[in-house]
Amino acid sequence: MTTPWHSRPMPDRHPVIAVGSNASPSQMRRKFVGHAIRPVVPMTLADVAGVAPGVSAHVSRWGYVPAAPVQAPGQVARLFVLWLDERELATLDVTEPNYRRRRLPAARHPATLESGARLPPCFVYVGRHGCLVDRTGRARRLTDQHTLIQALLDESAELRRLCGSTPGEFVSSVRDEATRDTVRRLFPAEGRVQSQPGLTDLPSAWRALRKEERARVTRRGVGWSWSSGGSSRGGSGGLRRRRICGTPRRPPRPRRPTPGTPPARAHGGTGAGRRG
């Protein structure tokens, strides 16, 4: 994807692994245009270790069952990586109320481009509601919506009573908010939900960004730091930036003495040298 002159250069962008619909350019455009942002999002393919597209234990207001990352030790998934600037990243947080943005440790979840280049630690949106499991208790893998919804209906008589016996009836039923909430509570009640502590317990996004900016301060001397701004969300929707200063690159120039002023008396570096 080409980028116009006014877009952020790649070194100023953050890599975000897209597990579900965020890998669709039309979906990203809809989200950003709705927040008055002209979407210019570079996307690359990468092989990500230890993570796979699973199924979140909730239903969207549009009637589909969304994706969520699940732990997959020993496996590698080929996924799209979005490269977002700070404004795009904060906007995407707002559009993901059912997820928390976390940074994957590169040592445990390395991401590698097709060229073989290793990416820096990437962000990923982790589901707040856990992931759905199959009849064997293993985390479900993401499939097309028709197949997924039919399998969920076949496995639960209560879900069929609430939402009908076909994917079409399911989508029509869950457009009602009360029905969606009932389905979300039904999933764990039937033992069909599994938590993902290896992902949800990762450091929150604003802490990762603050650590990154402080590292920049160490290198450059002056930079920006993130504060939570009173937000209780895991993402950076409520983040604020404040200017912080580190060690300057060069020491300040000494002041020139005023003509006619006697030179200052030299003394030691401690109080012991000041006794008269």
Protein backbone atom coordinates (compact mmCIF):
# COMPACT_ATOMS: atom_id res chain seq x y z
CA MET A 1 0.00 0.00 0.00
CA THR A 2 1.45 3.36 -0.96
CA THR A 3 1.64 6.18 1.55
CA PRO A 4 1.25 9.91 0.72
CA TRP A 5 3.73 12.52 1.78
CA HIS A 6 1.79 13.53 4.89
CA SER A 7 1.60 10.02 6.41
CA ARG A 8 3.88 8.83 9.18
CA PRO A 9 7.12 7.09 8.13
CA MET A 10 7.49 3.44 9.05
CA PRO A 11 9.94 3.98 11.97
CA ASP A 12 7.23 6.04 13.71
CA ARG A 13 4.59 3.31 13.38
CA HIS A 14 3.71 0.43 15.70
CA PRO A 15 3.22 -3.16 14.44
CA VAL A 16 -0.18 -4.64 15.35
CA ILE A 17 -1.04 -8.27 14.58
CA ALA A 18 -4.48 -8.60 12.99
CA VAL A 19 -6.15 -11.85 14.05
CA GLY A 20 -9.65 -11.32 12.66
CA SER A 21 -11.50 -8.72 10.62
CA ASN A 22 -8.84 -6.06 11.18
CA ALA A 23 -6.90 -7.80 8.42
CA SER A 24 -9.56 -6.55 5.98
CA PRO A 25 -8.77 -3.15 4.39
CA SER A 26 -12.50 -2.38 4.09
CA GLN A 27 -13.00 -3.02 7.82
CA MET A 28 -10.10 -0.74 8.72
CA ARG A 29 -11.42 1.96 6.43
CA ARG A 30 -14.87 1.78 8.04
CA LYS A 31 -13.40 2.10 11.53
CA PHE A 32 -11.11 5.02 10.76
CA VAL A 33 -13.49 6.99 8.54
CA GLY A 34 -16.03 6.81 11.34
CA HIS A 35 -13.55 8.72 13.53
CA ALA A 36 -12.60 11.30 10.89
CA ILE A 37 -9.24 9.71 10.09
CA ARG A 38 -8.08 9.21 6.54
CA PRO A 39 -6.83 5.63 6.66
CA VAL A 40 -3.31 5.10 5.35
CA VAL A 41 -2.28 1.77 6.87
CA PRO A 42 0.69 -0.24 5.58
CA MET A 43 0.14 -4.00 5.93
CA THR A 44 2.66 -6.83 5.78
CA LEU A 45 2.46 -10.60 6.16
CA ALA A 46 4.37 -12.27 8.98
CA ASP A 47 4.74 -15.70 10.54
CA VAL A 48 3.84 -15.41 14.23
CA ALA A 49 4.85 -18.16 16.66
CA GLY A 50 2.71 -19.36 19.54
CA VAL A 51 -0.51 -17.56 18.56
CA ALA A 52 -3.44 -18.65 16.37
CA PRO A 53 -6.81 -17.15 15.37
CA GLY A 54 -9.45 -18.43 17.77
CA VAL A 55 -13.04 -17.48 18.61
CA SER A 56 -14.07 -14.90 21.19
CA ALA A 57 -16.78 -15.86 23.69
CA HIS A 58 -19.15 -13.07 22.71
CA VAL A 59 -21.33 -12.04 19.79
CA SER A 60 -21.03 -8.77 17.90
CA ARG A 61 -23.96 -6.46 17.33
CA TRP A 62 -23.78 -7.29 13.61
CA GLY A 63 -24.52 -10.94 14.41
CA TYR A 64 -21.19 -12.65 13.87
CA VAL A 65 -18.96 -14.41 16.41
CA PRO A 66 -15.65 -12.47 16.39
CA ALA A 67 -12.11 -13.77 16.33
CA ALA A 68 -9.66 -13.63 19.23
CA PRO A 69 -6.06 -14.77 19.55
CA VAL A 70 -5.43 -18.01 21.40
CA GLN A 71 -2.21 -19.56 22.66
CA ALA A 72 -0.80 -22.18 20.30
CA PRO A 73 2.54 -23.45 21.63
CA GLY A 74 4.74 -24.93 18.92
CA GLN A 75 2.57 -23.60 16.09
CA VAL A 76 3.17 -20.78 13.63
CA ALA A 77 0.37 -18.74 12.01
CA ARG A 78 0.71 -16.49 8.97
CA LEU A 79 -1.07 -13.25 9.85
CA PHE A 80 -1.28 -9.69 8.63
CA VAL A 81 0.56 -6.99 10.56
CA LEU A 82 -0.85 -3.46 10.57
CA TRP A 83 1.57 -0.55 10.93
CA LEU A 84 -0.25 2.23 12.80
CA ASP A 85 0.82 5.66 13.96
CA GLU A 86 -0.12 6.88 17.42
CA ARG A 87 -3.41 8.49 16.38
CA GLU A 88 -4.52 5.44 14.40
CA LEU A 89 -3.53 3.19 17.30
CA ALA A 90 -5.57 5.18 19.84
CA THR A 91 -8.55 5.23 17.46
CA LEU A 92 -8.42 1.48 16.94
CA ASP A 93 -8.47 1.03 20.73
CA VAL A 94 -11.77 2.93 20.87
CA THR A 95 -13.31 0.63 18.26
CA GLU A 96 -12.32 -2.51 20.21
CA PRO A 97 -14.31 -2.34 23.50
CA ASN A 98 -14.32 -6.14 23.85
CA TYR A 99 -10.53 -6.42 23.65
CA ARG A 100 -7.44 -5.27 25.48
CA ARG A 101 -4.32 -4.34 23.55
CA ARG A 102 -1.24 -6.19 24.76
CA ARG A 103 2.35 -6.38 23.53
CA LEU A 104 3.62 -9.85 22.70
CA PRO A 105 7.12 -10.60 24.00
CA ALA A 106 9.37 -11.24 21.02
CA ALA A 107 11.22 -14.04 22.79
CA ARG A 108 8.03 -16.10 23.23
CA HIS A 109 6.07 -14.94 20.15
CA PRO A 110 8.55 -13.95 17.45
CA ALA A 111 7.11 -12.45 14.27
CA THR A 112 9.09 -12.92 11.06
CA LEU A 113 8.50 -11.34 7.65
CA GLU A 114 8.59 -13.38 4.45
CA SER A 115 12.07 -11.93 3.84
CA GLY A 116 13.28 -13.51 7.08
CA ALA A 117 13.56 -10.17 8.93
CA ARG A 118 12.47 -10.33 12.58
CA LEU A 119 9.91 -7.73 13.66
CA PRO A 120 10.09 -5.79 16.93
CA PRO A 121 7.57 -6.82 19.64
CA CYS A 122 4.06 -6.51 18.19
CA PHE A 123 0.76 -5.47 19.72
CA VAL A 124 -2.26 -7.78 19.62
CA TYR A 125 -5.87 -7.33 20.77
CA VAL A 126 -6.70 -9.97 23.40
CA GLY A 127 -10.35 -10.86 24.06
CA ARG A 128 -11.92 -9.69 27.32
CA HIS A 129 -14.42 -12.56 27.42
CA GLY A 130 -12.09 -15.52 26.91
CA CYS A 131 -12.24 -17.90 23.94
CA LEU A 132 -14.71 -20.62 22.96
CA VAL A 133 -13.69 -24.27 23.15
CA ASP A 134 -14.88 -27.32 21.25
CA ARG A 135 -16.36 -30.51 22.69
CA THR A 136 -12.90 -31.77 23.65
CA GLY A 137 -12.15 -28.63 25.68
CA ARG A 138 -9.57 -27.27 23.22
CA ALA A 139 -9.66 -23.69 22.02
CA ARG A 140 -11.63 -23.45 18.80
CA ARG A 141 -9.89 -22.31 15.65
CA LEU A 142 -11.49 -19.62 13.54
CA THR A 143 -13.52 -20.84 10.55
CA ASP A 144 -16.05 -19.18 8.25
CA GLN A 145 -19.07 -17.80 10.09
CA HIS A 146 -21.65 -20.19 8.63
CA THR A 147 -19.67 -23.26 9.71
CA LEU A 148 -18.84 -21.78 13.13
CA ILE A 149 -22.37 -20.69 14.03
CA GLN A 150 -23.88 -23.98 12.87
CA ALA A 151 -21.41 -25.92 15.04
CA LEU A 152 -22.25 -23.77 18.07
CA LEU A 153 -25.98 -24.34 17.53
CA ASP A 154 -25.57 -28.11 17.05
CA GLU A 155 -23.73 -28.38 20.37
CA SER A 156 -26.28 -26.52 22.53
CA ALA A 157 -30.03 -27.11 22.80
CA GLU A 158 -30.38 -23.93 24.90
CA LEU A 159 -28.66 -21.85 22.23
CA ARG A 160 -31.04 -23.27 19.62
CA ARG A 161 -33.99 -22.36 21.84
CA LEU A 162 -32.74 -18.77 22.09
CA CYS A 163 -31.52 -18.20 18.53
CA GLY A 164 -33.07 -20.81 16.26
CA SER A 165 -31.47 -23.77 14.52
CA THR A 166 -29.83 -22.10 11.49
CA PRO A 167 -27.10 -19.46 11.11
CA GLY A 168 -29.60 -17.10 9.49
CA GLU A 169 -31.98 -17.34 12.46
CA PHE A 170 -29.02 -16.88 14.82
CA VAL A 171 -27.88 -13.66 13.12
CA SER A 172 -31.42 -12.24 13.19
CA SER A 173 -31.91 -13.11 16.86
CA VAL A 174 -28.66 -11.70 18.23
CA ARG A 175 -29.29 -8.27 16.73
CA ASP A 176 -31.26 -7.75 19.92
CA GLU A 177 -28.90 -6.56 22.66
CA ALA A 178 -30.64 -8.52 25.42
CA THR A 179 -30.32 -11.72 23.39
CA ARG A 180 -26.62 -11.07 22.80
CA ASP A 181 -26.04 -10.60 26.53
CA THR A 182 -27.93 -13.82 27.26
CA VAL A 183 -25.80 -15.74 24.76
CA ARG A 184 -22.60 -14.28 26.21
CA ARG A 185 -23.61 -15.49 29.69
CA LEU A 186 -24.69 -18.86 28.32
CA PHE A 187 -21.26 -19.69 26.91
CA PRO A 188 -19.46 -19.87 30.30
CA ALA A 189 -22.53 -21.38 32.00
CA GLU A 190 -22.26 -24.35 29.63
CA GLY A 191 -18.51 -24.67 30.18
CA ARG A 192 -17.62 -23.55 26.67
CA VAL A 193 -15.20 -20.74 27.60
CA GLN A 194 -11.49 -20.88 28.32
CA SER A 195 -9.33 -18.05 29.63
CA GLN A 196 -6.01 -17.15 28.04
CA PRO A 197 -3.79 -16.09 30.98
CA GLY A 198 -0.65 -16.25 28.86
CA LEU A 199 -2.07 -13.38 26.79
CA THR A 200 -4.32 -11.45 29.16
CA ASP A 201 -1.60 -11.22 31.82
CA LEU A 202 0.84 -9.46 29.48
CA PRO A 203 1.66 -5.82 30.31
CA SER A 204 -0.98 -3.32 29.24
CA ALA A 205 -0.40 -1.24 26.12
CA TRP A 206 0.09 2.10 27.83
CA ARG A 207 2.83 0.65 30.02
CA ALA A 208 4.57 -0.75 26.97
CA LEU A 209 4.38 2.60 25.21
CA ARG A 210 5.64 4.48 28.25
CA LYS A 211 8.61 2.12 28.51
CA GLU A 212 9.33 2.62 24.83
CA GLU A 213 9.19 6.41 25.09
CA ARG A 214 11.44 6.44 28.14
CA ALA A 215 13.97 4.43 26.16
CA ARG A 216 13.82 7.11 23.49
CA VAL A 217 14.45 9.76 26.14
CA THR A 218 17.59 7.94 27.18
CA ARG A 219 18.82 8.00 23.60
CA ARG A 220 17.71 11.50 22.60
CA GLY A 221 17.60 13.45 25.87
CA VAL A 222 14.08 14.83 25.38
CA GLY A 223 10.89 12.98 24.50
CA TRP A 224 7.31 12.16 25.40
CA SER A 225 5.83 9.91 28.06
CA TRP A 226 2.38 8.34 28.32
CA SER A 227 0.04 8.69 31.30
CA SER A 228 -3.24 6.88 31.75
CA GLY A 229 -5.33 10.05 31.98
CA GLY A 230 -7.65 8.40 34.48
CA SER A 231 -8.76 5.74 32.03
CA SER A 232 -9.48 2.27 33.37
CA ARG A 233 -9.31 0.60 29.97
CA GLY A 234 -6.50 -1.66 28.99
CA GLY A 235 -5.87 0.16 25.72
CA SER A 236 -4.64 3.68 25.14
CA GLY A 237 -8.00 5.31 24.41
CA GLY A 238 -7.56 7.53 27.46
CA LEU A 239 -3.83 8.06 27.18
CA ARG A 240 -2.28 11.48 27.34
CA ARG A 241 1.24 12.47 26.43
CA ARG A 242 3.41 14.71 28.55
CA ARG A 243 6.83 16.09 27.76
CA ILE A 244 9.70 14.71 29.79
CA CYS A 245 13.33 15.61 29.77
CA GLY A 246 16.37 13.46 30.22
CA THR A 247 20.07 14.09 30.13
CA PRO A 248 20.85 16.73 27.49
CA ARG A 249 23.12 15.77 24.63
CA ARG A 250 25.77 18.36 25.50
CA PRO A 251 26.57 20.16 28.77
CA PRO A 252 25.37 23.78 29.07
CA ARG A 253 27.84 26.50 28.26
CA PRO A 254 29.40 28.23 31.28
CA ARG A 255 28.23 31.77 31.92
CA ARG A 256 30.64 34.57 31.16
CA PRO A 257 31.62 36.61 34.24
CA THR A 258 30.33 40.16 34.37
CA PRO A 259 33.15 42.74 33.94
CA GLY A 260 34.31 44.04 37.32
CA THR A 261 32.98 41.08 39.28
CA PRO A 262 35.60 39.28 41.43
CA PRO A 263 36.02 35.59 40.56
CA ALA A 264 34.16 33.11 42.73
CA ARG A 265 36.19 31.45 45.47
CA ALA A 266 36.98 27.84 44.63
CA HIS A 267 35.83 25.21 47.08
CA GLY A 268 35.58 21.45 47.26
CA GLY A 269 32.72 19.38 46.04
CA THR A 270 31.45 18.66 49.60
CA GLY A 271 30.43 20.77 52.53
CA ALA A 272 33.67 19.91 54.36
CA GLY A 273 35.62 22.30 52.12
CA ARG A 274 33.46 25.30 53.05
CA ARG A 275 34.56 25.77 56.64
CA GLY A 276 36.13 29.17 57.25
